[in-house]
Amino acid sequence: QVQLVESGGGLVQPGGSLRLSCAASGNIFSINRMGWYRQAPGKERELVASLTNYGSTNYADSVRGRFTISRDSAKNTAYLQMGSLKPEDTAVYYCYLQQGYTDYTYWGQGTQVTVSS
């Protein structure tokens, strides 16, 4: 089993910044990809950003240029640096990790990000 612990969410004003962290532990042997989804009330979960083991990134159009995903491989921790935050970024953000030849997916518990004045 793999455990993902997220941190860094909270309340921020529009235009502000936050950094989310996702620390992975447990039976980690071959990470293919780590990333973040988010889900706002009444909306479907959407991909925010992902980072492959080879360094390839993918961002939702709505966050490209404002958010940056990175990873500290030695710590098995992924980060999502969020800037120029907008009220529409308000959501629960879920970290995920995929590993092995089956791309088995593990999920974090979610962290709330609220952008409001």
Protein backbone atom coordinates (compact mmCIF):
# COMPACT_ATOMS: atom_id res chain seq x y z
CA GLN A 1 0.00 0.00 0.00
CA VAL A 2 0.97 3.60 -0.61
CA GLN A 3 -0.13 6.48 1.56
CA LEU A 4 -0.38 10.05 0.31
CA VAL A 5 -0.52 12.92 2.79
CA GLU A 6 -1.41 16.34 1.48
CA SER A 7 -0.82 19.67 3.13
CA GLY A 8 -0.77 23.36 2.34
CA GLY A 9 -4.39 24.13 1.60
CA GLY A 10 -6.25 27.02 3.14
CA LEU A 11 -7.91 30.36 2.58
CA VAL A 12 -6.22 32.90 0.35
CA GLN A 13 -7.26 36.16 -1.25
CA PRO A 14 -7.62 36.50 -5.02
CA GLY A 15 -4.23 37.07 -6.59
CA GLY A 16 -2.47 35.25 -3.77
CA SER A 17 -0.36 32.12 -3.74
CA LEU A 18 -0.34 28.74 -2.05
CA ARG A 19 1.87 25.69 -2.24
CA LEU A 20 0.42 22.24 -1.84
CA SER A 21 2.57 19.29 -0.83
CA CYS A 22 1.91 15.58 -1.29
CA ALA A 23 4.17 13.20 0.61
CA ALA A 24 4.12 9.56 -0.45
CA SER A 25 5.14 6.67 1.77
CA GLY A 26 4.75 2.92 1.94
CA ASN A 27 5.34 0.39 -0.82
CA ILE A 28 6.82 2.74 -3.41
CA PHE A 29 8.84 1.02 -6.09
CA SER A 30 8.25 2.59 -9.50
CA ILE A 31 6.45 5.90 -9.67
CA ASN A 32 5.21 6.67 -13.17
CA ARG A 33 3.34 9.85 -12.45
CA MET A 34 2.22 12.15 -9.67
CA GLY A 35 -0.24 14.94 -9.94
CA TRP A 36 -3.28 16.79 -8.71
CA TYR A 37 -6.96 16.75 -9.46
CA ARG A 38 -9.51 19.12 -8.02
CA GLN A 39 -13.24 19.05 -7.45
CA ALA A 40 -15.38 22.10 -6.87
CA PRO A 41 -18.90 21.85 -5.40
CA GLY A 42 -21.34 20.59 -7.99
CA LYS A 43 -18.62 19.94 -10.55
CA GLU A 44 -16.77 16.90 -11.78
CA ARG A 45 -13.25 16.16 -10.69
CA GLU A 46 -10.75 17.62 -13.17
CA LEU A 47 -7.06 17.16 -13.77
CA VAL A 48 -5.03 20.17 -12.65
CA ALA A 49 -1.45 19.09 -13.29
CA SER A 50 0.66 15.97 -13.64
CA LEU A 51 4.35 15.15 -13.76
CA THR A 52 5.81 11.96 -15.16
CA ASN A 53 8.92 10.20 -13.94
CA TYR A 54 10.68 11.54 -17.03
CA GLY A 55 9.84 15.13 -16.20
CA SER A 56 6.98 15.68 -18.63
CA THR A 57 4.26 17.96 -17.34
CA ASN A 58 0.64 18.44 -18.23
CA TYR A 59 -1.58 21.29 -17.07
CA ALA A 60 -5.23 22.16 -17.38
CA ASP A 61 -5.70 25.14 -19.66
CA SER A 62 -7.27 27.05 -16.80
CA VAL A 63 -4.12 26.90 -14.68
CA ARG A 64 -1.32 26.87 -17.25
CA GLY A 65 1.07 29.73 -16.57
CA ARG A 66 -0.19 30.16 -13.00
CA PHE A 67 0.50 26.75 -11.43
CA THR A 68 3.73 24.77 -11.40
CA ILE A 69 4.09 21.11 -10.46
CA SER A 70 7.37 19.72 -9.20
CA ARG A 71 8.68 16.73 -7.34
CA ASP A 72 11.46 15.91 -4.90
CA SER A 73 12.26 12.32 -5.83
CA ALA A 74 14.45 11.78 -2.78
CA LYS A 75 11.50 12.63 -0.53
CA ASN A 76 8.81 11.10 -2.75
CA THR A 77 7.00 14.40 -2.44
CA ALA A 78 5.17 16.37 -5.10
CA TYR A 79 4.43 20.07 -4.93
CA LEU A 80 1.89 22.29 -6.62
CA GLN A 81 2.85 25.95 -6.54
CA MET A 82 -0.27 27.98 -7.22
CA GLY A 83 -0.10 31.65 -8.08
CA SER A 84 -2.45 34.40 -9.24
CA LEU A 85 -5.25 32.47 -7.59
CA LYS A 86 -8.81 33.13 -8.64
CA PRO A 87 -12.11 32.39 -6.90
CA GLU A 88 -12.76 29.72 -9.51
CA ASP A 89 -9.73 27.83 -8.23
CA THR A 90 -11.69 27.09 -5.07
CA ALA A 91 -11.98 23.33 -4.74
CA VAL A 92 -10.79 20.28 -2.89
CA TYR A 93 -7.43 19.31 -4.35
CA TYR A 94 -6.51 15.64 -4.49
CA CYS A 95 -3.02 14.34 -4.97
CA TYR A 96 -2.53 11.08 -6.87
CA LEU A 97 0.32 8.72 -7.64
CA GLN A 98 0.54 6.05 -10.33
CA GLN A 99 3.10 3.32 -10.25
CA GLY A 100 3.98 -0.04 -11.74
CA TYR A 101 3.25 -1.47 -15.14
CA THR A 102 -0.49 -1.30 -14.42
CA ASP A 103 -0.35 2.42 -13.51
CA TYR A 104 -2.18 1.60 -10.31
CA THR A 105 -3.52 4.83 -8.83
CA TYR A 106 -3.39 5.93 -5.22
CA TRP A 107 -5.21 9.00 -3.88
CA GLY A 108 -4.68 11.44 -1.10
CA GLN A 109 -7.44 12.50 1.26
CA GLY A 110 -7.84 15.92 -0.32
CA THR A 111 -7.08 19.42 0.91
CA GLN A 112 -9.41 22.40 0.68
CA VAL A 113 -8.30 25.51 -1.18
CA THR A 114 -10.56 28.53 -0.88
CA VAL A 115 -9.89 31.73 -2.80
CA SER A 116 -12.00 34.54 -1.46
CA SER A 117 -11.76 38.12 -0.30
